Amino acid sequence: MLTRRVLNTIDVHAEGELGKVVIASHLQIRGTTMLERLAHAQEHFEGVRRLLLREPRGYPAACAVLVLPPVETDSDFAMIVMEQGGFRAMSGSNLICAVTALVETQTVTVDSPQLTLRIDTLAGLVEAHVEVANGRAMSVTFDNVPSFAVELDYPLEVPGYGTVPVDIAFGGQFYVQARARDLGVELSKEQTPQVIRAGSVLRAAAIQHFAVRHPLQEGIDEIGLAMIHGPADVPSTDAGRNAVVMPNGVVDLEDPTTWTGVIDRSPCGTGTSARMAARFARGEMAVGDTFSHQGLLGTTFVGTVRGTTQVGSHEAILPSIRGRGWIIAHNQYVLAEDDPFPEGYTVGDIWGPEGP
């Protein structure tokens, strides 16, 4: 008899970014700590990540999140993020997707219009505060992990763009951030190819020049994403606009044909936290200030600096990020034993070379 493997997902978009939520208890990802679980997922579930995110079941901008039993006794669940570049410590949009899915399917107990959930991530504990009405998650505000700047205005030599002042900051993932005007690009949907090209080479150059490591959380030791930022399309000192470029293949700084990537469709939750950390370090934000951050679709995450703390030698902010998710599908993904593409595939028309 022909056997088939079935993966059920609840597909949600958070302000535009797709997250496939996998209630993954049945996958038996082992480990008593989040670091052990990440290592187990990387060793045994790389095929699942590729299957869900690559074609024919996925597309270059898709993400997914594994919802697991909690590690800490007083937490509600744990999560491991799957992006095109690999397994990640934390993602704000994917957290919003996961919380929305769990609340609206009543997988978690919903007994109040104001619900608080505690989530274990590799980056640390995150609390999500959910406004619920008629069974819907009308907004999700998560108290993110401490976020901090590592470098400000570092003169980075970026092939094809010259010397560009960049910030290196952590908001759940490490980011390299640069102003759009310094790269000669415009933050608009029409300029997306130019933004992607600049962001992909920016990240590759930053990785070549910077070795990063979280001082407290093991396993977080890579500049995962590039953010290109500028002013919002409304005049305001407490608003900004950004494009986060995610890898979709291998970037070779010597070969401009490989300078490809994918735009995060959301305003990016960990990226907004990292951007606020850099702004705070410059004196452009203070405790209690808010920051409205637009993505290229015009959707917005709103961040708030709740307070400060110390992370190793870094002064860090305690950011909160508010956004919303919408369930768009309940899917059953099927893999037959004779499927010629058991881990999906990539094609060079929309994927980068040697896709992840």
Protein backbone atom coordinates (compact mmCIF):
# COMPACT_ATOMS: atom_id res chain seq x y z
CA MET A 1 0.00 0.00 0.00
CA LEU A 2 1.28 3.47 -0.90
CA THR A 3 2.05 5.46 2.28
CA ARG A 4 1.65 9.17 2.69
CA ARG A 5 2.90 11.61 5.31
CA VAL A 6 0.49 14.38 6.29
CA LEU A 7 1.37 17.71 7.90
CA ASN A 8 -1.48 19.91 9.12
CA THR A 9 -0.92 23.65 9.28
CA ILE A 10 -2.94 26.71 10.14
CA ASP A 11 -1.82 29.38 7.69
CA VAL A 12 -1.84 32.92 9.05
CA HIS A 13 -0.54 36.21 7.76
CA ALA A 14 0.76 38.83 10.18
CA GLU A 15 0.36 42.23 8.55
CA GLY A 16 1.12 40.53 5.22
CA GLU A 17 3.78 37.93 6.09
CA LEU A 18 2.75 34.27 5.77
CA GLY A 19 3.47 31.94 8.68
CA LYS A 20 2.49 28.28 8.46
CA VAL A 21 1.71 27.23 12.01
CA VAL A 22 2.47 23.57 12.71
CA ILE A 23 1.07 22.24 15.99
CA ALA A 24 4.08 19.97 16.20
CA SER A 25 3.74 17.87 19.37
CA HIS A 26 3.43 14.76 17.20
CA LEU A 27 6.79 15.44 15.54
CA GLN A 28 8.56 14.48 18.78
CA ILE A 29 11.24 17.14 18.66
CA ARG A 30 13.40 16.15 21.60
CA GLY A 31 15.22 18.27 24.14
CA THR A 32 14.79 19.63 27.65
CA THR A 33 16.06 23.08 26.62
CA MET A 34 15.30 25.23 23.60
CA LEU A 35 18.92 24.88 22.44
CA GLU A 36 18.64 21.07 22.53
CA ARG A 37 15.35 21.24 20.62
CA LEU A 38 16.87 23.52 18.00
CA ALA A 39 19.79 21.14 17.52
CA HIS A 40 17.37 18.20 17.20
CA ALA A 41 15.24 20.08 14.66
CA GLN A 42 18.30 21.05 12.63
CA GLU A 43 19.50 17.45 12.55
CA HIS A 44 16.21 15.65 11.98
CA PHE A 45 13.66 18.11 10.58
CA GLU A 46 15.53 20.04 7.92
CA GLY A 47 13.52 18.06 5.38
CA VAL A 48 10.26 19.25 6.97
CA ARG A 49 11.45 22.87 6.79
CA ARG A 50 12.31 22.54 3.11
CA LEU A 51 9.13 20.61 2.33
CA LEU A 52 6.87 23.35 3.76
CA LEU A 53 8.77 26.38 2.50
CA ARG A 54 9.98 25.32 -0.93
CA GLU A 55 7.87 24.66 -3.99
CA PRO A 56 5.42 23.16 -4.75
CA ARG A 57 3.99 23.68 -1.23
CA GLY A 58 5.71 26.94 -0.40
CA TYR A 59 7.20 30.03 -2.02
CA PRO A 60 10.28 32.19 -1.37
CA ALA A 61 8.68 34.56 1.17
CA ALA A 62 6.94 31.85 3.20
CA CYS A 63 7.85 31.12 6.81
CA ALA A 64 6.65 28.51 9.27
CA VAL A 65 6.64 27.99 13.02
CA LEU A 66 6.69 24.77 15.02
CA VAL A 67 4.46 25.04 18.10
CA LEU A 68 5.81 22.68 20.77
CA PRO A 69 5.08 21.84 24.41
CA PRO A 70 6.67 24.39 26.73
CA VAL A 71 10.11 24.02 28.26
CA GLU A 72 9.38 26.10 31.36
CA THR A 73 6.65 24.85 33.68
CA ASP A 74 4.82 28.20 33.77
CA SER A 75 4.90 28.76 29.99
CA ASP A 76 2.03 27.99 27.61
CA PHE A 77 3.98 26.74 24.61
CA ALA A 78 7.36 26.84 22.89
CA MET A 79 8.13 27.76 19.29
CA ILE A 80 10.89 27.21 16.75
CA VAL A 81 10.86 29.42 13.66
CA MET A 82 11.56 28.10 10.16
CA GLU A 83 12.65 30.64 7.56
CA GLN A 84 14.19 30.21 4.12
CA GLY A 85 17.63 30.73 5.65
CA GLY A 86 17.17 27.98 8.26
CA PHE A 87 15.84 27.55 11.79
CA ARG A 88 15.73 30.84 13.69
CA ALA A 89 15.66 31.84 17.35
CA MET A 90 12.74 34.23 17.21
CA SER A 91 10.39 35.99 14.79
CA GLY A 92 7.78 38.55 15.73
CA SER A 93 5.51 37.95 12.74
CA ASN A 94 5.66 34.18 13.24
CA LEU A 95 4.88 34.59 16.93
CA ILE A 96 1.83 36.66 16.03
CA CYS A 97 0.80 33.97 13.55
CA ALA A 98 1.20 31.23 16.16
CA VAL A 99 -0.72 33.11 18.85
CA THR A 100 -3.52 33.99 16.43
CA ALA A 101 -3.85 30.37 15.31
CA LEU A 102 -3.91 28.97 18.85
CA VAL A 103 -6.43 31.53 20.10
CA GLU A 104 -8.83 31.38 17.17
CA THR A 105 -8.87 27.57 17.08
CA GLN A 106 -9.20 27.53 20.91
CA THR A 107 -6.16 25.29 21.14
CA VAL A 108 -5.39 27.39 24.22
CA THR A 109 -8.05 28.21 26.77
CA VAL A 110 -9.68 31.55 25.98
CA ASP A 111 -11.62 32.69 29.04
CA SER A 112 -11.11 36.45 28.93
CA PRO A 113 -11.08 39.30 26.40
CA GLN A 114 -7.56 40.05 27.63
CA LEU A 115 -5.41 36.93 27.37
CA THR A 116 -1.72 36.56 28.28
CA LEU A 117 0.39 33.71 26.92
CA ARG A 118 3.99 32.86 27.82
CA ILE A 119 6.12 31.52 24.97
CA ASP A 120 9.51 29.82 25.20
CA THR A 121 11.88 30.77 22.36
CA LEU A 122 15.57 30.20 21.82
CA ALA A 123 16.05 33.95 22.35
CA GLY A 124 14.29 33.81 25.74
CA LEU A 125 10.84 34.04 27.26
CA VAL A 126 8.30 36.20 25.42
CA GLU A 127 4.89 37.22 26.78
CA ALA A 128 2.04 37.88 24.37
CA HIS A 129 -1.01 39.92 25.34
CA VAL A 130 -4.01 39.23 23.14
CA GLU A 131 -7.18 41.28 22.74
CA VAL A 132 -9.96 38.79 21.96
CA ALA A 133 -13.43 39.61 20.60
CA ASN A 134 -15.96 37.09 19.27
CA GLY A 135 -13.28 34.42 19.21
CA ARG A 136 -10.91 36.56 17.12
CA ALA A 137 -7.46 37.76 18.09
CA MET A 138 -7.97 41.44 17.32
CA SER A 139 -4.41 42.40 18.25
CA VAL A 140 -1.31 40.74 19.65
CA THR A 141 1.23 42.70 21.68
CA PHE A 142 4.34 40.76 22.62
CA ASP A 143 6.93 41.75 25.19
CA ASN A 144 10.03 40.83 23.25
CA VAL A 145 13.40 39.76 24.58
CA PRO A 146 15.91 42.47 25.57
CA SER A 147 17.23 44.17 22.45
CA PHE A 148 20.50 46.05 22.06
CA ALA A 149 22.84 47.78 19.64
CA VAL A 150 26.28 46.30 19.01
CA GLU A 151 27.64 48.88 16.55
CA LEU A 152 26.39 52.26 15.38
CA ASP A 153 27.39 53.91 12.09
CA TYR A 154 30.15 51.41 11.42
CA PRO A 155 31.76 52.20 8.02
CA LEU A 156 31.17 48.93 6.15
CA GLU A 157 32.63 48.39 2.70
CA VAL A 158 29.75 47.03 0.64
CA PRO A 159 30.66 45.77 -2.86
CA GLY A 160 28.83 47.77 -5.49
CA TYR A 161 27.76 50.44 -2.99
CA GLY A 162 30.94 51.80 -1.46
CA THR A 163 31.44 52.57 2.24
CA VAL A 164 28.06 52.56 3.99
CA PRO A 165 27.44 53.46 7.67
CA VAL A 166 25.61 50.52 9.26
CA ASP A 167 24.20 49.53 12.62
CA ILE A 168 24.47 46.02 14.03
CA ALA A 169 21.64 45.36 16.48
CA PHE A 170 19.84 42.47 18.15
CA GLY A 171 16.06 42.21 18.49
CA GLY A 172 15.59 38.44 18.73
CA GLN A 173 17.86 37.99 15.73
CA PHE A 174 20.97 39.96 14.77
CA TYR A 175 20.43 42.56 12.03
CA VAL A 176 22.63 44.73 9.89
CA GLN A 177 20.78 47.99 9.26
CA ALA A 178 21.47 50.76 6.77
CA ARG A 179 19.66 53.85 5.49
CA ALA A 180 18.05 53.56 2.07
CA ARG A 181 19.57 56.85 0.94
CA ASP A 182 23.09 55.59 1.76
CA LEU A 183 22.50 52.64 -0.54
CA GLY A 184 20.87 54.72 -3.27
CA VAL A 185 17.55 52.85 -3.16
CA GLU A 186 13.94 53.83 -2.55
CA LEU A 187 11.66 52.03 -0.12
CA SER A 188 8.76 51.28 -2.42
CA LYS A 189 7.17 48.19 -3.94
CA GLU A 190 8.25 49.43 -7.35
CA GLN A 191 11.92 49.47 -6.25
CA THR A 192 11.82 46.00 -4.70
CA PRO A 193 14.47 44.44 -7.02
CA GLN A 194 16.93 47.20 -6.16
CA VAL A 195 16.17 46.88 -2.43
CA ILE A 196 16.66 43.11 -2.52
CA ARG A 197 19.97 43.42 -4.34
CA ALA A 198 21.27 45.97 -1.83
CA GLY A 199 20.03 44.04 1.19
CA SER A 200 21.49 40.71 0.11
CA VAL A 201 24.97 42.07 -0.45
CA LEU A 202 24.72 44.19 2.72
CA ARG A 203 24.11 41.09 4.84
CA ALA A 204 26.85 39.09 3.14
CA ALA A 205 29.36 41.91 3.66
CA ALA A 206 28.35 42.29 7.31
CA ILE A 207 28.76 38.56 7.95
CA GLN A 208 32.24 38.74 6.42
CA HIS A 209 33.26 41.62 8.70
CA PHE A 210 31.39 40.91 11.96
CA ALA A 211 31.41 37.94 14.29
CA VAL A 212 28.38 38.27 16.55
CA ARG A 213 27.35 36.20 19.54
CA HIS A 214 24.60 36.75 22.07
CA PRO A 215 26.27 37.14 25.48
CA LEU A 216 23.63 35.08 27.31
CA GLN A 217 21.79 32.86 24.81
CA GLU A 218 23.75 30.03 23.21
CA GLY A 219 23.19 29.28 19.56
CA ILE A 220 22.53 32.88 18.45
CA ASP A 221 25.71 33.77 16.60
CA GLU A 222 24.87 34.99 13.10
CA ILE A 223 23.69 38.15 11.39
CA GLY A 224 20.47 36.66 10.12
CA LEU A 225 18.84 39.52 8.24
CA ALA A 226 19.41 42.90 6.62
CA MET A 227 17.15 45.89 7.19
CA ILE A 228 17.06 48.93 4.92
CA HIS A 229 15.20 51.81 6.54
CA GLY A 230 14.06 55.35 5.95
CA PRO A 231 11.32 57.81 6.83
CA ALA A 232 7.68 56.78 6.86
CA ASP A 233 5.32 58.06 4.18
CA VAL A 234 3.75 60.33 6.81
CA PRO A 235 5.80 63.14 8.39
CA SER A 236 6.57 62.00 11.93
CA THR A 237 9.61 61.68 14.15
CA ASP A 238 8.19 58.56 15.82
CA ALA A 239 7.56 56.59 12.62
CA GLY A 240 9.72 54.86 10.06
CA ARG A 241 9.60 52.60 7.05
CA ASN A 242 11.69 49.53 6.37
CA ALA A 243 12.35 46.54 4.17
CA VAL A 244 13.89 43.43 5.66
CA VAL A 245 15.67 41.26 3.12
CA MET A 246 15.70 37.53 3.88
CA PRO A 247 18.13 35.14 2.17
CA ASN A 248 16.76 32.78 -0.47
CA GLY A 249 20.06 31.32 -1.64
CA VAL A 250 23.83 31.60 -1.36
CA VAL A 251 25.26 35.11 -1.90
CA ASP A 252 28.75 35.35 -3.37
CA LEU A 253 30.18 38.85 -3.01
CA GLU A 254 32.33 38.24 -6.09
CA ASP A 255 29.31 37.36 -8.25
CA PRO A 256 26.57 40.04 -8.51
CA THR A 257 24.22 37.54 -10.18
CA THR A 258 23.84 35.90 -6.75
CA TRP A 259 22.76 39.09 -4.98
CA THR A 260 19.20 37.89 -4.49
CA GLY A 261 16.77 37.54 -1.60
CA VAL A 262 13.18 38.01 -0.50
CA ILE A 263 11.36 40.92 1.13
CA ASP A 264 9.64 40.31 4.46
CA ARG A 265 6.03 41.21 3.73
CA SER A 266 5.43 42.40 7.31
CA PRO A 267 7.05 45.36 9.09
CA CYS A 268 9.14 42.71 10.96
CA GLY A 269 8.81 42.32 14.73
CA THR A 270 12.36 41.40 15.71
CA GLY A 271 13.60 43.94 13.16
CA THR A 272 11.46 46.66 14.71
CA SER A 273 12.89 45.74 18.12
CA ALA A 274 16.44 45.96 16.75
CA ARG A 275 15.67 49.27 15.04
CA MET A 276 14.31 50.69 18.30
CA ALA A 277 17.43 49.49 20.11
CA ALA A 278 19.63 51.41 17.67
CA ARG A 279 17.45 54.51 17.94
CA PHE A 280 17.54 54.30 21.73
CA ALA A 281 21.33 53.99 21.71
CA ARG A 282 21.48 57.20 19.65
CA GLY A 283 19.23 59.07 22.04
CA GLU A 284 16.39 59.16 19.49
CA MET A 285 14.04 57.21 21.79
CA ALA A 286 13.45 57.09 25.53
CA VAL A 287 11.60 54.80 27.91
CA GLY A 288 7.87 55.12 27.25
CA ASP A 289 8.29 56.24 23.63
CA THR A 290 6.48 54.50 20.78
CA PHE A 291 7.66 53.84 17.25
CA SER A 292 5.35 53.10 14.32
CA HIS A 293 7.18 50.97 11.75
CA GLN A 294 5.83 50.46 8.23
CA GLY A 295 6.65 47.64 5.86
CA LEU A 296 6.60 47.97 2.08
CA LEU A 297 2.91 46.97 1.99
CA GLY A 298 2.08 49.94 4.20
CA THR A 299 1.12 47.73 7.16
CA THR A 300 2.44 48.69 10.56
CA PHE A 301 3.86 47.26 13.76
CA VAL A 302 3.87 49.66 16.72
CA GLY A 303 6.73 49.33 19.17
CA THR A 304 7.10 50.69 22.70
CA VAL A 305 10.16 50.92 24.93
CA ARG A 306 8.93 49.48 28.24
CA GLY A 307 12.20 49.89 30.10
CA THR A 308 15.88 49.02 30.06
CA THR A 309 18.11 46.25 31.32
CA GLN A 310 21.66 44.97 30.93
CA VAL A 311 22.67 42.13 28.60
CA GLY A 312 26.33 41.36 29.16
CA SER A 313 28.14 44.61 28.45
CA HIS A 314 25.23 46.03 26.44
CA GLU A 315 22.55 48.39 27.70
CA ALA A 316 19.36 46.91 26.28
CA ILE A 317 15.79 48.03 25.87
CA LEU A 318 12.68 46.02 26.75
CA PRO A 319 10.56 46.38 23.61
CA SER A 320 6.89 45.57 23.08
CA ILE A 321 5.53 45.13 19.56
CA ARG A 322 1.86 45.29 18.56
CA GLY A 323 0.40 43.83 15.38
CA ARG A 324 -2.32 41.51 14.13
CA GLY A 325 -2.70 38.22 12.29
CA TRP A 326 -5.43 36.73 10.09
CA ILE A 327 -6.05 33.02 9.53
CA ILE A 328 -6.19 32.45 5.78
CA ALA A 329 -6.26 28.64 5.45
CA HIS A 330 -6.32 25.28 7.17
CA ASN A 331 -4.05 23.05 5.13
CA GLN A 332 -3.15 19.38 4.93
CA TYR A 333 0.19 19.02 3.18
CA VAL A 334 0.73 15.50 1.82
CA LEU A 335 3.99 13.75 0.94
CA ALA A 336 3.66 10.43 -0.87
CA GLU A 337 6.51 7.94 -0.57
CA ASP A 338 7.11 8.04 -4.33
CA ASP A 339 7.05 11.86 -4.64
CA PRO A 340 10.17 12.79 -6.65
CA PHE A 341 10.58 15.98 -4.54
CA PRO A 342 10.47 14.85 -0.89
CA GLU A 343 12.09 18.12 0.22
CA GLY A 344 10.51 20.35 -2.41
CA TYR A 345 12.55 22.18 -5.01
CA THR A 346 13.80 25.59 -6.11
CA VAL A 347 14.01 26.99 -9.64
CA GLY A 348 16.25 29.86 -10.66
CA ASP A 349 13.45 32.05 -12.02
CA ILE A 350 12.39 33.09 -8.49
CA TRP A 351 14.93 31.43 -6.19
CA GLY A 352 18.54 32.29 -5.53
CA PRO A 353 21.37 29.97 -6.60
CA GLU A 354 21.74 26.81 -4.51
CA GLY A 355 18.53 27.66 -2.65
CA PRO A 356 18.55 26.97 1.10
